[in-house]
Amino acid sequence: MYMTLGSTRSLTTEAAEKLATDALGYLAQDLEHLGRFLALSGIGPAELRAASTEPGFLVGVLEFYMEHESLLLAFTETKGYRPTMVAAAHLVLCNAEIDDANAEENG
């Protein structure tokens, strides 16, 4: 049974952040994939916690999952998410970043 967070249209930023945070926690338990993620992102293990609070970091985590199908499927099966929810959460978080950037420009 898959956990549903509502349709893509009703997926909140908070729910998308929760899924991405779950994905980061799952990734942290898989040293092989975590090492690859850190290498690709240019982040060292010591900087991971600080980097996780930066804008765009969770988007990058979800992008990494979308590029690694076996990891994506293992994560979603273990955590009870539908695989398509990762892409939906990615879209929601990207849109939230755009909204934030526009608000800063106009504010």
Protein backbone atom coordinates (compact mmCIF):
# COMPACT_ATOMS: atom_id res chain seq x y z
CA MET A 1 0.00 0.00 0.00
CA TYR A 2 1.39 3.37 -1.01
CA MET A 3 1.25 6.49 1.09
CA THR A 4 -0.64 9.15 -0.77
CA LEU A 5 -0.02 12.81 -0.24
CA GLY A 6 -2.92 13.88 -2.43
CA SER A 7 -2.83 14.61 -6.10
CA THR A 8 0.09 16.52 -7.59
CA ARG A 9 -2.07 19.61 -7.71
CA SER A 10 -2.73 19.49 -3.98
CA LEU A 11 0.77 18.47 -2.87
CA THR A 12 1.83 21.17 -0.44
CA THR A 13 5.31 22.55 -0.11
CA GLU A 14 5.44 21.09 3.40
CA ALA A 15 4.53 17.61 2.14
CA ALA A 16 7.10 17.89 -0.65
CA GLU A 17 9.75 18.94 1.88
CA LYS A 18 8.80 15.99 4.10
CA LEU A 19 9.22 13.55 1.22
CA ALA A 20 12.56 15.11 0.26
CA THR A 21 13.74 15.00 3.88
CA ASP A 22 12.74 11.35 4.06
CA ALA A 23 14.72 10.79 0.86
CA LEU A 24 17.77 12.47 2.37
CA GLY A 25 17.50 10.30 5.48
CA TYR A 26 17.22 7.18 3.36
CA LEU A 27 20.20 8.27 1.27
CA ALA A 28 22.28 8.83 4.41
CA GLN A 29 21.87 5.13 5.24
CA ASP A 30 23.24 4.02 1.86
CA LEU A 31 26.95 4.85 1.93
CA GLU A 32 27.57 3.96 -1.71
CA HIS A 33 24.85 6.24 -3.07
CA LEU A 34 25.57 8.91 -0.45
CA GLY A 35 29.20 9.01 -1.56
CA ARG A 36 28.14 9.42 -5.18
CA PHE A 37 25.65 12.16 -4.24
CA LEU A 38 28.29 14.04 -2.25
CA ALA A 39 30.80 13.73 -5.09
CA LEU A 40 28.32 15.02 -7.66
CA SER A 41 27.13 17.87 -5.47
CA GLY A 42 30.61 18.90 -4.35
CA ILE A 43 29.61 18.70 -0.69
CA GLY A 44 31.82 17.04 1.86
CA PRO A 45 30.36 14.81 4.59
CA ALA A 46 31.10 17.47 7.21
CA GLU A 47 29.08 20.07 5.30
CA LEU A 48 26.03 17.88 4.66
CA ARG A 49 23.97 19.12 7.61
CA ALA A 50 24.62 22.80 6.85
CA ALA A 51 24.03 22.30 3.12
CA SER A 52 20.69 20.61 3.78
CA THR A 53 19.25 23.94 4.94
CA GLU A 54 20.29 25.77 1.77
CA PRO A 55 17.69 26.67 -0.84
CA GLY A 56 17.66 24.13 -3.64
CA PHE A 57 19.36 21.35 -1.69
CA LEU A 58 16.23 19.21 -1.34
CA VAL A 59 15.53 19.73 -5.05
CA GLY A 60 19.00 18.33 -5.72
CA VAL A 61 18.31 15.31 -3.51
CA LEU A 62 15.16 14.52 -5.48
CA GLU A 63 16.97 15.03 -8.79
CA PHE A 64 19.57 12.50 -7.67
CA TYR A 65 16.82 9.97 -6.98
CA MET A 66 15.20 10.61 -10.35
CA GLU A 67 18.54 9.87 -12.04
CA HIS A 68 18.99 6.58 -10.12
CA GLU A 69 15.94 4.41 -10.75
CA SER A 70 16.96 1.50 -8.53
CA LEU A 71 17.51 3.86 -5.59
CA LEU A 72 14.21 5.62 -6.32
CA LEU A 73 12.28 2.36 -6.38
CA ALA A 74 13.95 1.04 -3.23
CA PHE A 75 13.22 4.29 -1.37
CA THR A 76 9.60 4.54 -2.44
CA GLU A 77 8.91 0.90 -1.68
CA THR A 78 10.53 1.11 1.76
CA LYS A 79 8.84 4.39 2.71
CA GLY A 80 5.48 3.68 1.09
CA TYR A 81 5.48 6.50 -1.44
CA ARG A 82 4.38 6.14 -5.03
CA PRO A 83 7.42 6.63 -7.29
CA THR A 84 5.67 9.46 -9.14
CA MET A 85 5.45 11.39 -5.87
CA VAL A 86 9.20 12.06 -6.05
CA ALA A 87 8.78 13.90 -9.36
CA ALA A 88 5.70 15.70 -8.03
CA ALA A 89 7.59 16.82 -4.91
CA HIS A 90 10.48 17.96 -7.11
CA LEU A 91 8.11 20.10 -9.18
CA VAL A 92 6.48 21.61 -6.09
CA LEU A 93 9.85 22.50 -4.55
CA CYS A 94 11.13 23.98 -7.82
CA ASN A 95 8.02 26.14 -8.08
CA ALA A 96 8.40 27.21 -4.44
CA GLU A 97 11.96 28.34 -5.17
CA ILE A 98 10.80 30.33 -8.18
CA ASP A 99 8.04 31.93 -6.10
CA ASP A 100 10.55 32.82 -3.38
CA ALA A 101 12.96 34.32 -5.91
CA ASN A 102 10.17 36.39 -7.49
CA ALA A 103 9.03 37.60 -4.07
CA GLU A 104 12.57 38.74 -3.25
CA GLU A 105 12.83 40.56 -6.59
CA ASN A 106 9.51 42.30 -6.12
CA GLY A 107 9.72 42.84 -2.38
